[in-house]
Amino acid sequence: QVQLVESGGGLVQAGESLRLSCAASGRTFNTDAMGWFRQAPGKEREFVAVIRWKYSGTYYTDSVKGRFTISRNKAKNTADLQMNSLKPEDTAVYYCAASNSYYSDIQSYSVRGRYGYWGQGTQVTVSS
């Protein structure tokens, strides 16, 4: 089992920044990738970004490219999401997820079903 706990959400104004952190514990040695998803009210949960855990590689959804950066700290077992130039449409609950499956095409991790572990989510609200 892997436990994931997100932190760092909050209320900011458009154009400001936030840094989310996901702390992983438990049987993390099987982790192949860590991802971030988000869910706005009334919408489906959507992919935001992913980072490979054992090898290098990141992938972002188009709407956040150039604004968000995902990073990992293996020593601390954390995966962070730096969010800059936030927009009101970034408002959502952000979820961290872990996958124990390896996919050679990193874009495969944009599918929710590729993850076996999820955090409880952290709210991000961006006012205009």
Foldseek 3Di string as FASTA:
>chain_A
DKAKAKDWADEEAAQAKTKMKIFIDDPCPLWQKKFKWWDDPPGDIFGAKMATDPDGDMDGDPVQPPFWDWDADVVRRMIMIIGGRDDQVVWTWMKMFTASDDDPPPVVVRDPVRTDDIYPTDTHGYHD
